[in-house]
PDB file of N, CA and C in Angstrom:
ATOM      1  N   MET A   1      -0.432  -2.549  -3.593  1.00  0.00           N
ATOM      2  CA  MET A   1      -0.035  -1.233  -4.064  1.00  0.00           C
ATOM      3  C   MET A   1       1.394  -0.969  -3.623  1.00  0.00           C
ATOM      4  N   ILE A   2       2.126  -0.349  -4.494  1.00  0.00           N
ATOM      5  CA  ILE A   2       3.477   0.080  -4.157  1.00  0.00           C
ATOM      6  C   ILE A   2       3.585   1.544  -4.538  1.00  0.00           C
ATOM      7  N   ARG A   3       3.797   2.390  -3.554  1.00  0.00           N
ATOM      8  CA  ARG A   3       3.889   3.830  -3.795  1.00  0.00           C
ATOM      9  C   ARG A   3       5.147   4.134  -4.613  1.00  0.00           C
ATOM     10  N   GLN A   4       4.991   5.020  -5.583  1.00  0.00           N
ATOM     11  CA  GLN A   4       6.094   5.432  -6.437  1.00  0.00           C
ATOM     12  C   GLN A   4       6.342   6.927  -6.255  1.00  0.00           C
ATOM     13  N   PRO A   5       7.588   7.357  -6.384  1.00  0.00           N
ATOM     14  CA  PRO A   5       7.867   8.802  -6.327  1.00  0.00           C
ATOM     15  C   PRO A   5       7.170   9.522  -7.485  1.00  0.00           C
ATOM     16  N   ASP A   6       6.917  10.803  -7.314  1.00  0.00           N
ATOM     17  CA  ASP A   6       6.204  11.583  -8.325  1.00  0.00           C
ATOM     18  C   ASP A   6       6.901  11.615  -9.683  1.00  0.00           C
ATOM     19  N   PHE A   7       8.217  11.449  -9.692  1.00  0.00           N
ATOM     20  CA  PHE A   7       8.931  11.539 -10.973  1.00  0.00           C
ATOM     21  C   PHE A   7       8.790  10.266 -11.821  1.00  0.00           C
ATOM     22  N   ILE A   8       8.253   9.206 -11.262  1.00  0.00           N
ATOM     23  CA  ILE A   8       8.048   7.977 -12.040  1.00  0.00           C
ATOM     24  C   ILE A   8       6.841   8.171 -12.945  1.00  0.00           C
ATOM     25  N   ARG A   9       7.035   7.945 -14.219  1.00  0.00           N
ATOM     26  CA  ARG A   9       5.981   8.101 -15.220  1.00  0.00           C
ATOM     27  C   ARG A   9       5.615   6.735 -15.799  1.00  0.00           C
ATOM     28  N   ARG A  10       4.456   6.673 -16.422  1.00  0.00           N
ATOM     29  CA  ARG A  10       3.955   5.425 -16.995  1.00  0.00           C
ATOM     30  C   ARG A  10       4.983   4.793 -17.947  1.00  0.00           C
ATOM     31  N   GLU A  11       5.622   5.610 -18.766  1.00  0.00           N
ATOM     32  CA  GLU A  11       6.595   5.089 -19.738  1.00  0.00           C
ATOM     33  C   GLU A  11       7.755   4.387 -19.022  1.00  0.00           C
ATOM     34  N   MET A  12       8.195   4.954 -17.903  1.00  0.00           N
ATOM     35  CA  MET A  12       9.281   4.349 -17.134  1.00  0.00           C
ATOM     36  C   MET A  12       8.832   3.005 -16.556  1.00  0.00           C
ATOM     37  N   PHE A  13       7.596   2.986 -16.061  1.00  0.00           N
ATOM     38  CA  PHE A  13       7.041   1.752 -15.509  1.00  0.00           C
ATOM     39  C   PHE A  13       6.968   0.658 -16.575  1.00  0.00           C
ATOM     40  N   VAL A  14       6.435   0.997 -17.745  1.00  0.00           N
ATOM     41  CA  VAL A  14       6.289   0.023 -18.833  1.00  0.00           C
ATOM     42  C   VAL A  14       7.657  -0.519 -19.238  1.00  0.00           C
ATOM     43  N   SER A  15       8.641   0.347 -19.354  1.00  0.00           N
ATOM     44  CA  SER A  15       9.992  -0.076 -19.720  1.00  0.00           C
ATOM     45  C   SER A  15      10.574  -1.029 -18.682  1.00  0.00           C
ATOM     46  N   ALA A  16      10.435  -0.686 -17.420  1.00  0.00           N
ATOM     47  CA  ALA A  16      10.964  -1.537 -16.347  1.00  0.00           C
ATOM     48  C   ALA A  16      10.247  -2.881 -16.321  1.00  0.00           C
ATOM     49  N   LEU A  17       8.933  -2.873 -16.510  1.00  0.00           N
ATOM     50  CA  LEU A  17       8.165  -4.114 -16.499  1.00  0.00           C
ATOM     51  C   LEU A  17       8.584  -5.023 -17.652  1.00  0.00           C
ATOM     52  N   GLU A  18       8.791  -4.447 -18.819  1.00  0.00           N
ATOM     53  CA  GLU A  18       9.229  -5.249 -19.966  1.00  0.00           C
ATOM     54  C   GLU A  18      10.597  -5.883 -19.702  1.00  0.00           C
ATOM     55  N   GLN A  19      11.484  -5.143 -19.058  1.00  0.00           N
ATOM     56  CA  GLN A  19      12.813  -5.677 -18.742  1.00  0.00           C
ATOM     57  C   GLN A  19      12.733  -6.837 -17.750  1.00  0.00           C
ATOM     58  N   ILE A  20      11.896  -6.681 -16.733  1.00  0.00           N
ATOM     59  CA  ILE A  20      11.785  -7.739 -15.730  1.00  0.00           C
ATOM     60  C   ILE A  20      11.087  -8.967 -16.297  1.00  0.00           C
ATOM     61  N   LYS A  21      10.167  -8.778 -17.241  1.00  0.00           N
ATOM     62  CA  LYS A  21       9.504  -9.916 -17.879  1.00  0.00           C
ATOM     63  C   LYS A  21      10.513 -10.792 -18.608  1.00  0.00           C
ATOM     64  N   VAL A  22      11.542 -10.166 -19.180  1.00  0.00           N
ATOM     65  CA  VAL A  22      12.579 -10.921 -19.891  1.00  0.00           C
ATOM     66  C   VAL A  22      13.488 -11.646 -18.895  1.00  0.00           C
ATOM     67  N   LYS A  23      13.878 -10.954 -17.820  1.00  0.00           N
ATOM     68  CA  LYS A  23      14.805 -11.529 -16.836  1.00  0.00           C
ATOM     69  C   LYS A  23      14.167 -12.617 -15.983  1.00  0.00           C
ATOM     70  N   LYS A  24      12.952 -12.383 -15.527  1.00  0.00           N
ATOM     71  CA  LYS A  24      12.275 -13.321 -14.619  1.00  0.00           C
ATOM     72  C   LYS A  24      10.824 -13.476 -15.048  1.00  0.00           C
ATOM     73  N   PRO A  25      10.555 -14.235 -16.092  1.00  0.00           N
ATOM     74  CA  PRO A  25       9.187 -14.378 -16.594  1.00  0.00           C
ATOM     75  C   PRO A  25       8.218 -14.904 -15.526  1.00  0.00           C
ATOM     76  N   SER A  26       7.010 -14.354 -15.559  1.00  0.00           N
ATOM     77  CA  SER A  26       5.946 -14.816 -14.674  1.00  0.00           C
ATOM     78  C   SER A  26       4.609 -14.398 -15.284  1.00  0.00           C
ATOM     79  N   PRO A  27       3.638 -15.293 -15.280  1.00  0.00           N
ATOM     80  CA  PRO A  27       2.320 -14.914 -15.817  1.00  0.00           C
ATOM     81  C   PRO A  27       1.644 -13.831 -14.972  1.00  0.00           C
ATOM     82  N   LEU A  28       2.076 -13.656 -13.738  1.00  0.00           N
ATOM     83  CA  LEU A  28       1.480 -12.638 -12.867  1.00  0.00           C
ATOM     84  C   LEU A  28       1.813 -11.215 -13.311  1.00  0.00           C
ATOM     85  N   PHE A  29       2.876 -11.040 -14.078  1.00  0.00           N
ATOM     86  CA  PHE A  29       3.241  -9.697 -14.537  1.00  0.00           C
ATOM     87  C   PHE A  29       2.159  -9.086 -15.423  1.00  0.00           C
ATOM     88  N   ASP A  30       1.338  -9.933 -16.045  1.00  0.00           N
ATOM     89  CA  ASP A  30       0.251  -9.417 -16.875  1.00  0.00           C
ATOM     90  C   ASP A  30      -0.831  -8.730 -16.044  1.00  0.00           C
ATOM     91  N   GLU A  31      -0.818  -8.955 -14.730  1.00  0.00           N
ATOM     92  CA  GLU A  31      -1.804  -8.335 -13.840  1.00  0.00           C
ATOM     93  C   GLU A  31      -1.296  -7.028 -13.217  1.00  0.00           C
ATOM     94  N   VAL A  32      -0.037  -6.703 -13.410  1.00  0.00           N
ATOM     95  CA  VAL A  32       0.558  -5.501 -12.825  1.00  0.00           C
ATOM     96  C   VAL A  32       0.223  -4.300 -13.694  1.00  0.00           C
ATOM     97  N   PHE A  33      -0.167  -3.204 -13.065  1.00  0.00           N
ATOM     98  CA  PHE A  33      -0.486  -2.005 -13.831  1.00  0.00           C
ATOM     99  C   PHE A  33      -0.082  -0.750 -13.062  1.00  0.00           C
ATOM    100  N   PHE A  34       0.042   0.327 -13.780  1.00  0.00           N
ATOM    101  CA  PHE A  34       0.434   1.623 -13.230  1.00  0.00           C
ATOM    102  C   PHE A  34      -0.796   2.517 -13.216  1.00  0.00           C
ATOM    103  N   ASP A  35      -1.083   3.109 -12.068  1.00  0.00           N
ATOM    104  CA  ASP A  35      -2.261   3.951 -11.969  1.00  0.00           C
ATOM    105  C   ASP A  35      -2.063   4.969 -10.855  1.00  0.00           C
ATOM    106  N   ARG A  36      -2.854   5.996 -10.906  1.00  0.00           N
ATOM    107  CA  ARG A  36      -2.847   7.009  -9.853  1.00  0.00           C
ATOM    108  C   ARG A  36      -4.147   6.853  -9.077  1.00  0.00           C
ATOM    109  N   VAL A  37      -4.032   6.760  -7.774  1.00  0.00           N
ATOM    110  CA  VAL A  37      -5.197   6.595  -6.923  1.00  0.00           C
ATOM    111  C   VAL A  37      -5.573   7.959  -6.359  1.00  0.00           C
ATOM    112  N   GLN A  38      -6.783   8.358  -6.637  1.00  0.00           N
ATOM    113  CA  GLN A  38      -7.302   9.619  -6.104  1.00  0.00           C
ATOM    114  C   GLN A  38      -8.241   9.295  -4.957  1.00  0.00           C
ATOM    115  N   GLU A  39      -7.859   9.702  -3.776  1.00  0.00           N
ATOM    116  CA  GLU A  39      -8.717   9.462  -2.631  1.00  0.00           C
ATOM    117  C   GLU A  39      -9.097  10.788  -2.004  1.00  0.00           C
ATOM    118  N   GLU A  40     -10.210  10.773  -1.358  1.00  0.00           N
ATOM    119  CA  GLU A  40     -10.690  11.948  -0.662  1.00  0.00           C
ATOM    120  C   GLU A  40      -9.986  11.991   0.695  1.00  0.00           C
ATOM    121  N   ILE A  41     -10.743  12.261   1.702  1.00  0.00           N
ATOM    122  CA  ILE A  41     -10.194  12.279   3.052  1.00  0.00           C
ATOM    123  C   ILE A  41      -9.940  10.846   3.500  1.00  0.00           C
ATOM    124  N   CYS A  42      -8.819  10.622   4.147  1.00  0.00           N
ATOM    125  CA  CYS A  42      -8.532   9.272   4.609  1.00  0.00           C
ATOM    126  C   CYS A  42      -7.787   9.308   5.945  1.00  0.00           C
ATOM    127  N   ILE A  43      -7.833   8.192   6.609  1.00  0.00           N
ATOM    128  CA  ILE A  43      -7.035   7.951   7.801  1.00  0.00           C
ATOM    129  C   ILE A  43      -5.959   6.970   7.371  1.00  0.00           C
ATOM    130  N   GLU A  44      -4.723   7.272   7.724  1.00  0.00           N
ATOM    131  CA  GLU A  44      -3.671   6.322   7.419  1.00  0.00           C
ATOM    132  C   GLU A  44      -2.694   6.246   8.570  1.00  0.00           C
ATOM    133  N   ILE A  45      -2.024   5.118   8.639  1.00  0.00           N
ATOM    134  CA  ILE A  45      -1.045   4.898   9.685  1.00  0.00           C
ATOM    135  C   ILE A  45       0.137   4.156   9.079  1.00  0.00           C
ATOM    136  N   LEU A  46       1.328   4.474   9.555  1.00  0.00           N
ATOM    137  CA  LEU A  46       2.511   3.726   9.148  1.00  0.00           C
ATOM    138  C   LEU A  46       2.643   2.553  10.101  1.00  0.00           C
ATOM    139  N   HIS A  47       2.426   1.360   9.579  1.00  0.00           N
ATOM    140  CA  HIS A  47       2.556   0.142  10.383  1.00  0.00           C
ATOM    141  C   HIS A  47       3.970  -0.385  10.196  1.00  0.00           C
ATOM    142  N   ILE A  48       4.653  -0.575  11.296  1.00  0.00           N
ATOM    143  CA  ILE A  48       5.996  -1.152  11.252  1.00  0.00           C
ATOM    144  C   ILE A  48       5.937  -2.502  11.941  1.00  0.00           C
ATOM    145  N   GLY A  49       6.281  -3.531  11.201  1.00  0.00           N
ATOM    146  CA  GLY A  49       6.267  -4.880  11.754  1.00  0.00           C
ATOM    147  C   GLY A  49       5.604  -5.862  10.820  1.00  0.00           C
ATOM    148  N   SER A  50       5.381  -7.044  11.335  1.00  0.00           N
ATOM    149  CA  SER A  50       4.800  -8.144  10.569  1.00  0.00           C
ATOM    150  C   SER A  50       3.363  -7.837  10.171  1.00  0.00           C
ATOM    151  N   PHE A  51       2.942  -8.405   9.056  1.00  0.00           N
ATOM    152  CA  PHE A  51       1.546  -8.277   8.629  1.00  0.00           C
ATOM    153  C   PHE A  51       0.611  -8.866   9.694  1.00  0.00           C
ATOM    154  N   ASP A  52       1.088  -9.873  10.406  1.00  0.00           N
ATOM    155  CA  ASP A  52       0.271 -10.505  11.445  1.00  0.00           C
ATOM    156  C   ASP A  52      -0.052  -9.545  12.589  1.00  0.00           C
ATOM    157  N   ASP A  53       0.733  -8.478  12.735  1.00  0.00           N
ATOM    158  CA  ASP A  53       0.529  -7.512  13.819  1.00  0.00           C
ATOM    159  C   ASP A  53      -0.323  -6.313  13.397  1.00  0.00           C
ATOM    160  N   GLU A  54      -0.825  -6.317  12.171  1.00  0.00           N
ATOM    161  CA  GLU A  54      -1.615  -5.184  11.683  1.00  0.00           C
ATOM    162  C   GLU A  54      -2.893  -4.921  12.486  1.00  0.00           C
ATOM    163  N   PRO A  55      -3.553  -5.925  13.064  1.00  0.00           N
ATOM    164  CA  PRO A  55      -4.777  -5.636  13.820  1.00  0.00           C
ATOM    165  C   PRO A  55      -4.596  -4.552  14.893  1.00  0.00           C
ATOM    166  N   ALA A  56      -3.443  -4.467  15.511  1.00  0.00           N
ATOM    167  CA  ALA A  56      -3.203  -3.416  16.520  1.00  0.00           C
ATOM    168  C   ALA A  56      -3.241  -2.035  15.872  1.00  0.00           C
ATOM    169  N   SER A  57      -2.692  -1.911  14.674  1.00  0.00           N
ATOM    170  CA  SER A  57      -2.731  -0.636  13.952  1.00  0.00           C
ATOM    171  C   SER A  57      -4.148  -0.308  13.501  1.00  0.00           C
ATOM    172  N   PHE A  58      -4.886  -1.323  13.065  1.00  0.00           N
ATOM    173  CA  PHE A  58      -6.284  -1.098  12.671  1.00  0.00           C
ATOM    174  C   PHE A  58      -7.114  -0.627  13.858  1.00  0.00           C
ATOM    175  N   GLU A  59      -6.828  -1.154  15.028  1.00  0.00           N
ATOM    176  CA  GLU A  59      -7.555  -0.734  16.225  1.00  0.00           C
ATOM    177  C   GLU A  59      -7.269   0.734  16.542  1.00  0.00           C
ATOM    178  N   LYS A  60      -6.030   1.173  16.387  1.00  0.00           N
ATOM    179  CA  LYS A  60      -5.687   2.587  16.602  1.00  0.00           C
ATOM    180  C   LYS A  60      -6.432   3.476  15.609  1.00  0.00           C
ATOM    181  N   MET A  61      -6.528   3.020  14.370  1.00  0.00           N
ATOM    182  CA  MET A  61      -7.253   3.787  13.355  1.00  0.00           C
ATOM    183  C   MET A  61      -8.731   3.877  13.702  1.00  0.00           C
ATOM    184  N   LYS A  62      -9.304   2.774  14.171  1.00  0.00           N
ATOM    185  CA  LYS A  62     -10.713   2.752  14.547  1.00  0.00           C
ATOM    186  C   LYS A  62     -10.972   3.720  15.702  1.00  0.00           C
ATOM    187  N   GLN A  63     -10.092   3.709  16.694  1.00  0.00           N
ATOM    188  CA  GLN A  63     -10.242   4.618  17.830  1.00  0.00           C
ATOM    189  C   GLN A  63     -10.143   6.072  17.392  1.00  0.00           C
ATOM    190  N   TYR A  64      -9.214   6.357  16.485  1.00  0.00           N
ATOM    191  CA  TYR A  64      -9.066   7.723  15.977  1.00  0.00           C
ATOM    192  C   TYR A  64     -10.334   8.155  15.234  1.00  0.00           C
ATOM    193  N   ALA A  65     -10.855   7.273  14.402  1.00  0.00           N
ATOM    194  CA  ALA A  65     -12.071   7.592  13.639  1.00  0.00           C
ATOM    195  C   ALA A  65     -13.231   7.878  14.586  1.00  0.00           C
ATOM    196  N   GLU A  66     -13.404   7.037  15.581  1.00  0.00           N
ATOM    197  CA  GLU A  66     -14.501   7.236  16.534  1.00  0.00           C
ATOM    198  C   GLU A  66     -14.331   8.534  17.313  1.00  0.00           C
ATOM    199  N   ALA A  67     -13.117   8.837  17.761  1.00  0.00           N
ATOM    200  CA  ALA A  67     -12.860  10.050  18.541  1.00  0.00           C
ATOM    201  C   ALA A  67     -13.093  11.314  17.726  1.00  0.00           C
ATOM    202  N   ASN A  68     -12.951  11.205  16.398  1.00  0.00           N
ATOM    203  CA  ASN A  68     -13.093  12.369  15.521  1.00  0.00           C
ATOM    204  C   ASN A  68     -14.370  12.325  14.686  1.00  0.00           C
ATOM    205  N   HIS A  69     -15.288  11.442  15.064  1.00  0.00           N
ATOM    206  CA  HIS A  69     -16.607  11.332  14.414  1.00  0.00           C
ATOM    207  C   HIS A  69     -16.491  11.093  12.908  1.00  0.00           C
ATOM    208  N   LEU A  70     -15.589  10.195  12.543  1.00  0.00           N
ATOM    209  CA  LEU A  70     -15.387   9.832  11.137  1.00  0.00           C
ATOM    210  C   LEU A  70     -15.921   8.422  10.908  1.00  0.00           C
ATOM    211  N   GLN A  71     -16.379   8.178   9.683  1.00  0.00           N
ATOM    212  CA  GLN A  71     -16.871   6.851   9.328  1.00  0.00           C
ATOM    213  C   GLN A  71     -16.138   6.366   8.080  1.00  0.00           C
ATOM    214  N   TYR A  72     -15.834   5.076   8.066  1.00  0.00           N
ATOM    215  CA  TYR A  72     -15.203   4.482   6.891  1.00  0.00           C
ATOM    216  C   TYR A  72     -16.168   4.517   5.723  1.00  0.00           C
ATOM    217  N   ASN A  73     -15.677   4.855   4.529  1.00  0.00           N
ATOM    218  CA  ASN A  73     -16.507   4.865   3.330  1.00  0.00           C
ATOM    219  C   ASN A  73     -16.708   3.465   2.756  1.00  0.00           C
ATOM    220  N   GLN A  74     -15.745   2.591   2.982  1.00  0.00           N
ATOM    221  CA  GLN A  74     -15.829   1.208   2.509  1.00  0.00           C
ATOM    222  C   GLN A  74     -15.472   0.297   3.668  1.00  0.00           C
ATOM    223  N   ASN A  75     -15.752  -0.981   3.473  1.00  0.00           N
ATOM    224  CA  ASN A  75     -15.357  -1.939   4.503  1.00  0.00           C
ATOM    225  C   ASN A  75     -14.029  -2.608   4.151  1.00  0.00           C
ATOM    226  N   TYR A  76     -13.248  -1.968   3.291  1.00  0.00           N
ATOM    227  CA  TYR A  76     -11.923  -2.476   2.957  1.00  0.00           C
ATOM    228  C   TYR A  76     -10.913  -1.346   3.061  1.00  0.00           C
ATOM    229  N   HIS A  77      -9.657  -1.711   3.141  1.00  0.00           N
ATOM    230  CA  HIS A  77      -8.582  -0.728   3.266  1.00  0.00           C
ATOM    231  C   HIS A  77      -7.574  -0.935   2.142  1.00  0.00           C
ATOM    232  N   ARG A  78      -6.665   0.014   2.039  1.00  0.00           N
ATOM    233  CA  ARG A  78      -5.565  -0.100   1.078  1.00  0.00           C
ATOM    234  C   ARG A  78      -4.268  -0.296   1.855  1.00  0.00           C
ATOM    235  N   GLU A  79      -3.376  -1.052   1.261  1.00  0.00           N
ATOM    236  CA  GLU A  79      -2.052  -1.237   1.848  1.00  0.00           C
ATOM    237  C   GLU A  79      -1.015  -0.790   0.836  1.00  0.00           C
ATOM    238  N   ILE A  80      -0.100   0.035   1.292  1.00  0.00           N
ATOM    239  CA  ILE A  80       0.988   0.512   0.442  1.00  0.00           C
ATOM    240  C   ILE A  80       2.283   0.016   1.071  1.00  0.00           C
ATOM    241  N   TYR A  81       2.988  -0.834   0.354  1.00  0.00           N
ATOM    242  CA  TYR A  81       4.188  -1.477   0.887  1.00  0.00           C
ATOM    243  C   TYR A  81       5.409  -0.603   0.615  1.00  0.00           C
ATOM    244  N   LEU A  82       6.115  -0.262   1.671  1.00  0.00           N
ATOM    245  CA  LEU A  82       7.281   0.604   1.553  1.00  0.00           C
ATOM    246  C   LEU A  82       8.585  -0.177   1.601  1.00  0.00           C
ATOM    247  N   THR A  83       8.526  -1.427   2.006  1.00  0.00           N
ATOM    248  CA  THR A  83       9.723  -2.263   2.058  1.00  0.00           C
ATOM    249  C   THR A  83       9.455  -3.568   1.321  1.00  0.00           C
ATOM    250  N   HIS A  84      10.519  -4.224   0.930  1.00  0.00           N
ATOM    251  CA  HIS A  84      10.439  -5.492   0.202  1.00  0.00           C
ATOM    252  C   HIS A  84      10.410  -6.628   1.221  1.00  0.00           C
ATOM    253  N   THR A  85       9.355  -7.426   1.184  1.00  0.00           N
ATOM    254  CA  THR A  85       9.177  -8.468   2.201  1.00  0.00           C
ATOM    255  C   THR A  85      10.280  -9.520   2.201  1.00  0.00           C
ATOM    256  N   ASN A  86      10.944  -9.720   1.074  1.00  0.00           N
ATOM    257  CA  ASN A  86      12.012 -10.728   1.014  1.00  0.00           C
ATOM    258  C   ASN A  86      13.378 -10.168   1.402  1.00  0.00           C
ATOM    259  N   ARG A  87      13.457  -8.861   1.589  1.00  0.00           N
ATOM    260  CA  ARG A  87      14.754  -8.246   1.883  1.00  0.00           C
ATOM    261  C   ARG A  87      14.829  -7.609   3.261  1.00  0.00           C
ATOM    262  N   VAL A  88      13.692  -7.466   3.912  1.00  0.00           N
ATOM    263  CA  VAL A  88      13.638  -6.773   5.198  1.00  0.00           C
ATOM    264  C   VAL A  88      13.047  -7.716   6.240  1.00  0.00           C
ATOM    265  N   ASP A  89      13.656  -7.750   7.399  1.00  0.00           N
ATOM    266  CA  ASP A  89      13.147  -8.567   8.493  1.00  0.00           C
ATOM    267  C   ASP A  89      11.698  -8.187   8.794  1.00  0.00           C
ATOM    268  N   LYS A  90      10.880  -9.173   9.149  1.00  0.00           N
ATOM    269  CA  LYS A  90       9.456  -8.925   9.403  1.00  0.00           C
ATOM    270  C   LYS A  90       9.232  -7.816  10.425  1.00  0.00           C
ATOM    271  N   SER A  91      10.085  -7.744  11.427  1.00  0.00           N
ATOM    272  CA  SER A  91       9.904  -6.740  12.482  1.00  0.00           C
ATOM    273  C   SER A  91      10.162  -5.316  11.993  1.00  0.00           C
ATOM    274  N   LYS A  92      10.783  -5.182  10.824  1.00  0.00           N
ATOM    275  CA  LYS A  92      11.120  -3.857  10.288  1.00  0.00           C
ATOM    276  C   LYS A  92      10.349  -3.512   9.010  1.00  0.00           C
ATOM    277  N   GLN A  93       9.418  -4.369   8.609  1.00  0.00           N
ATOM    278  CA  GLN A  93       8.634  -4.089   7.409  1.00  0.00           C
ATOM    279  C   GLN A  93       7.766  -2.860   7.644  1.00  0.00           C
ATOM    280  N   LYS A  94       7.634  -2.036   6.605  1.00  0.00           N
ATOM    281  CA  LYS A  94       6.838  -0.815   6.704  1.00  0.00           C
ATOM    282  C   LYS A  94       5.711  -0.856   5.681  1.00  0.00           C
ATOM    283  N   THR A  95       4.494  -0.618   6.177  1.00  0.00           N
ATOM    284  CA  THR A  95       3.297  -0.635   5.342  1.00  0.00           C
ATOM    285  C   THR A  95       2.399   0.518   5.752  1.00  0.00           C
ATOM    286  N   ILE A  96       1.930   1.283   4.782  1.00  0.00           N
ATOM    287  CA  ILE A  96       0.934   2.310   5.080  1.00  0.00           C
ATOM    288  C   ILE A  96      -0.429   1.648   4.950  1.00  0.00           C
ATOM    289  N   LEU A  97      -1.223   1.762   6.006  1.00  0.00           N
ATOM    290  CA  LEU A  97      -2.585   1.245   6.010  1.00  0.00           C
ATOM    291  C   LEU A  97      -3.513   2.437   5.886  1.00  0.00           C
ATOM    292  N   ARG A  98      -4.483   2.362   5.006  1.00  0.00           N
ATOM    293  CA  ARG A  98      -5.322   3.537   4.706  1.00  0.00           C
ATOM    294  C   ARG A  98      -6.788   3.165   4.531  1.00  0.00           C
ATOM    295  N   TYR A  99      -7.652   3.941   5.205  1.00  0.00           N
ATOM    296  CA  TYR A  99      -9.099   3.852   5.031  1.00  0.00           C
ATOM    297  C   TYR A  99      -9.609   5.203   4.542  1.00  0.00           C
ATOM    298  N   SER A 100     -10.478   5.194   3.567  1.00  0.00           N
ATOM    299  CA  SER A 100     -11.159   6.403   3.118  1.00  0.00           C
ATOM    300  C   SER A 100     -12.294   6.682   4.097  1.00  0.00           C
ATOM    301  N   VAL A 101     -12.458   7.960   4.501  1.00  0.00           N
ATOM    302  CA  VAL A 101     -13.465   8.303   5.520  1.00  0.00           C
ATOM    303  C   VAL A 101     -14.264   9.523   5.139  1.00  0.00           C
ATOM    304  N   THR A 102     -15.402   9.677   5.829  1.00  0.00           N
ATOM    305  CA  THR A 102     -16.206  10.910   5.742  1.00  0.00           C
ATOM    306  C   THR A 102     -16.510  11.389   7.145  1.00  0.00           C
TER     307      THR A 102
END
């Protein structure tokens, strides 16, 4: 998932995707789609650093959930990438980690 500003509309996404398909063709572009995710209550954390270091952030989320009597709705999480992995040093990568809870 890649978070987009509110002003980005589906038409803008489709136009940009068509342009990139011409410049840098890839069969994976057929799997890319634009959607709005509606979630209920969730726990999220801004993880800064390598993907390999995410377990420490997940542990903080687990502790927060337990302290506040919250339970995960699913056994999976969402990741929203705020930085480009090929342009930002691993130690400075930013990812929002999110679990839906009740």
